Amino acid sequence: MSKLLFACAFAAIISLSFGLSCTNPTVESVKSFTTQDATIVKQIAFITEFTLKCSNKASESTPLFAETEGKLSPVARIGTDKFQVSWTEETKKAHRGEYIVRLFDEEGFAAVRKAQRSGADVSSIPALAEISVTHPGAFNGPYVNSEILAAGLSILVAYVALSTKSKLLS
């Protein structure tokens, strides 16, 4: 009995160490969200959900990682073949336009980390897939605050009232 249990455990370890790599990945149904009001927040949130399908069904068990502008983050599994990537960026550094999210399996993740440590170009490492996330920009508030505008208008009204009064009395 113990030999059978040992053989099963050994087979499980071997099968996990030779994990499947996603072949012919296709990304479908991409939905994205970005924070668009930066008046009260210090960081812009980026969230994208997508479906990844592999021809060999490896997406069901393969852990995924995402790289966006040099930052690596894990990809969360939210359902069968459905994944989610999220990250934040400071409001001053978040630019308007397109962000490219590159997806990697464990081997690609290790290659990216190695390239980052050595200072090599990360963009030369092939990704499983790429997703485009568009950020329309964030509203940082009006050019003139309402308090300043109200104070300026009250000074103008007081000036007009006092100058009119002095003309009537003279």
Protein backbone atom coordinates (compact mmCIF):
# COMPACT_ATOMS: atom_id res chain seq x y z
CA MET A 1 0.00 0.00 0.00
CA SER A 2 2.78 2.42 0.90
CA LYS A 3 4.57 1.65 -2.40
CA LEU A 4 1.41 2.53 -4.34
CA LEU A 5 1.01 5.77 -2.38
CA PHE A 6 4.67 6.63 -2.99
CA ALA A 7 4.30 5.90 -6.73
CA CYS A 8 1.19 8.13 -6.98
CA ALA A 9 2.90 10.98 -5.12
CA PHE A 10 6.00 10.65 -7.31
CA ALA A 11 3.87 10.69 -10.48
CA ALA A 12 2.03 13.80 -9.26
CA ILE A 13 5.29 15.62 -8.57
CA ILE A 14 6.69 14.69 -11.98
CA SER A 15 3.52 15.82 -13.77
CA LEU A 16 3.54 19.15 -11.93
CA SER A 17 7.19 19.77 -12.73
CA PHE A 18 6.50 19.24 -16.43
CA GLY A 19 3.61 21.69 -16.48
CA LEU A 20 1.87 22.46 -19.71
CA SER A 21 2.71 25.58 -21.59
CA CYS A 22 -0.08 27.41 -23.37
CA THR A 23 0.02 26.81 -27.12
CA ASN A 24 -1.80 29.04 -29.63
CA PRO A 25 -3.22 31.44 -27.01
CA THR A 26 -6.19 33.57 -28.00
CA VAL A 27 -7.48 36.48 -25.95
CA GLU A 28 -11.18 37.26 -26.20
CA SER A 29 -13.80 39.49 -24.59
CA VAL A 30 -11.50 42.09 -23.08
CA LYS A 31 -13.18 44.56 -20.70
CA SER A 32 -11.24 47.38 -19.07
CA PHE A 33 -11.83 50.02 -16.42
CA THR A 34 -9.66 52.96 -15.35
CA THR A 35 -10.24 55.64 -12.74
CA GLN A 36 -11.24 58.86 -14.45
CA ASP A 37 -11.69 61.21 -11.47
CA ALA A 38 -8.40 62.07 -9.77
CA THR A 39 -9.67 64.94 -7.61
CA ILE A 40 -9.70 62.89 -4.40
CA VAL A 41 -7.41 59.92 -5.15
CA LYS A 42 -3.63 59.70 -5.33
CA GLN A 43 -3.49 56.67 -7.64
CA ILE A 44 -5.28 55.69 -10.82
CA ALA A 45 -6.63 52.12 -10.84
CA PHE A 46 -6.47 49.99 -13.97
CA ILE A 47 -8.50 46.79 -14.20
CA THR A 48 -8.88 44.51 -17.20
CA GLU A 49 -10.78 41.25 -17.53
CA PHE A 50 -10.26 38.85 -20.40
CA THR A 51 -10.72 35.29 -21.56
CA LEU A 52 -7.62 33.31 -22.52
CA LYS A 53 -7.98 30.07 -24.41
CA CYS A 54 -5.16 27.69 -25.29
CA SER A 55 -5.38 24.97 -27.92
CA ASN A 56 -4.05 22.41 -25.40
CA LYS A 57 -6.32 23.49 -22.47
CA ALA A 58 -3.26 24.69 -20.51
CA SER A 59 -5.03 27.90 -19.45
CA GLU A 60 -6.98 25.86 -16.90
CA SER A 61 -3.86 25.14 -14.83
CA THR A 62 -1.10 27.51 -15.93
CA PRO A 63 -0.39 30.46 -13.63
CA LEU A 64 -0.15 33.72 -15.55
CA PHE A 65 1.75 36.94 -14.95
CA ALA A 66 1.36 40.37 -16.51
CA GLU A 67 3.95 43.01 -17.37
CA THR A 68 2.92 46.62 -17.89
CA GLU A 69 5.53 49.32 -18.43
CA GLY A 70 8.18 47.27 -16.64
CA LYS A 71 6.04 46.30 -13.66
CA LEU A 72 5.17 42.64 -13.07
CA SER A 73 2.00 41.47 -11.36
CA PRO A 74 0.18 38.16 -10.96
CA VAL A 75 -2.94 37.49 -12.98
CA ALA A 76 -6.02 36.49 -10.98
CA ARG A 77 -8.24 33.66 -12.19
CA ILE A 78 -11.92 34.64 -11.86
CA GLY A 79 -13.54 31.73 -13.67
CA THR A 80 -12.97 29.07 -16.27
CA ASP A 81 -10.56 30.64 -18.76
CA LYS A 82 -11.41 34.09 -17.31
CA PHE A 83 -8.67 36.23 -15.83
CA GLN A 84 -8.21 39.68 -14.32
CA VAL A 85 -5.20 41.99 -14.12
CA SER A 86 -5.15 45.10 -11.98
CA TRP A 87 -2.53 47.67 -11.07
CA THR A 88 -2.28 51.26 -9.92
CA GLU A 89 -0.26 54.22 -11.10
CA GLU A 90 0.33 57.56 -9.39
CA THR A 91 -1.91 60.28 -10.83
CA LYS A 92 1.08 62.36 -11.90
CA LYS A 93 2.68 59.42 -13.73
CA ALA A 94 -0.48 57.98 -15.32
CA HIS A 95 -0.60 59.11 -18.90
CA ARG A 96 -3.52 59.36 -21.27
CA GLY A 97 -3.57 56.76 -24.02
CA GLU A 98 -2.82 53.11 -24.51
CA TYR A 99 -1.21 50.73 -22.02
CA ILE A 100 0.02 47.37 -23.31
CA VAL A 101 -0.39 44.44 -20.91
CA ARG A 102 1.88 41.53 -21.86
CA LEU A 103 0.94 38.09 -20.52
CA PHE A 104 3.50 35.44 -19.54
CA ASP A 105 3.49 31.91 -18.20
CA GLU A 106 6.00 30.80 -15.54
CA GLU A 107 8.84 30.39 -18.05
CA GLY A 108 8.24 33.82 -19.55
CA PHE A 109 7.95 35.35 -16.08
CA ALA A 110 11.33 33.87 -15.12
CA ALA A 111 12.87 35.23 -18.34
CA VAL A 112 11.45 38.71 -17.69
CA ARG A 113 12.75 38.73 -14.10
CA LYS A 114 16.18 37.62 -15.32
CA ALA A 115 16.21 40.36 -17.97
CA GLN A 116 15.17 42.98 -15.41
CA ARG A 117 17.93 41.95 -13.01
CA SER A 118 20.57 42.07 -15.73
CA GLY A 119 19.29 45.35 -17.19
CA ALA A 120 18.42 43.79 -20.56
CA ASP A 121 15.51 44.83 -22.78
CA VAL A 122 12.32 43.17 -21.53
CA SER A 123 10.38 43.89 -24.73
CA SER A 124 12.47 41.34 -26.64
CA ILE A 125 11.02 38.47 -24.58
CA PRO A 126 8.05 36.92 -26.41
CA ALA A 127 4.75 37.13 -24.54
CA LEU A 128 1.88 34.65 -24.66
CA ALA A 129 -0.47 37.46 -25.61
CA GLU A 130 -0.85 41.22 -25.41
CA ILE A 131 -3.84 43.23 -24.30
CA SER A 132 -4.41 46.91 -24.97
CA VAL A 133 -5.96 49.03 -22.19
CA THR A 134 -6.96 52.58 -23.11
CA HIS A 135 -6.95 55.27 -20.44
CA PRO A 136 -8.84 58.43 -21.50
CA GLY A 137 -7.15 60.52 -18.81
CA ALA A 138 -8.25 61.62 -15.38
CA PHE A 139 -10.02 64.81 -14.28
CA ASN A 140 -7.83 66.61 -11.74
CA GLY A 141 -10.30 69.36 -10.90
CA PRO A 142 -11.18 72.74 -12.38
CA TYR A 143 -8.50 75.32 -13.22
CA VAL A 144 -9.96 77.75 -10.65
CA ASN A 145 -11.42 76.50 -7.38
CA SER A 146 -14.94 77.64 -6.55
CA GLU A 147 -13.77 79.25 -3.27
CA ILE A 148 -11.35 81.51 -5.12
CA LEU A 149 -13.98 82.39 -7.72
CA ALA A 150 -16.54 83.26 -5.00
CA ALA A 151 -14.01 85.42 -3.12
CA GLY A 152 -13.08 87.27 -6.33
CA LEU A 153 -16.72 87.89 -7.25
CA SER A 154 -17.56 89.17 -3.74
CA ILE A 155 -14.62 91.61 -3.88
CA LEU A 156 -15.83 92.81 -7.32
CA VAL A 157 -19.41 93.28 -6.04
CA ALA A 158 -18.16 95.17 -2.95
CA TYR A 159 -16.00 97.46 -5.13
CA VAL A 160 -18.89 98.25 -7.49
CA ALA A 161 -21.23 98.89 -4.55
CA LEU A 162 -18.78 101.20 -2.73
CA SER A 163 -17.87 103.13 -5.89
CA THR A 164 -21.55 103.60 -6.79
CA LYS A 165 -22.34 104.77 -3.22
CA SER A 166 -19.51 107.31 -3.27
CA LYS A 167 -20.70 108.71 -6.63
CA LEU A 168 -24.28 109.06 -5.33
CA LEU A 169 -23.16 110.89 -2.16
CA SER A 170 -20.88 113.34 -3.90
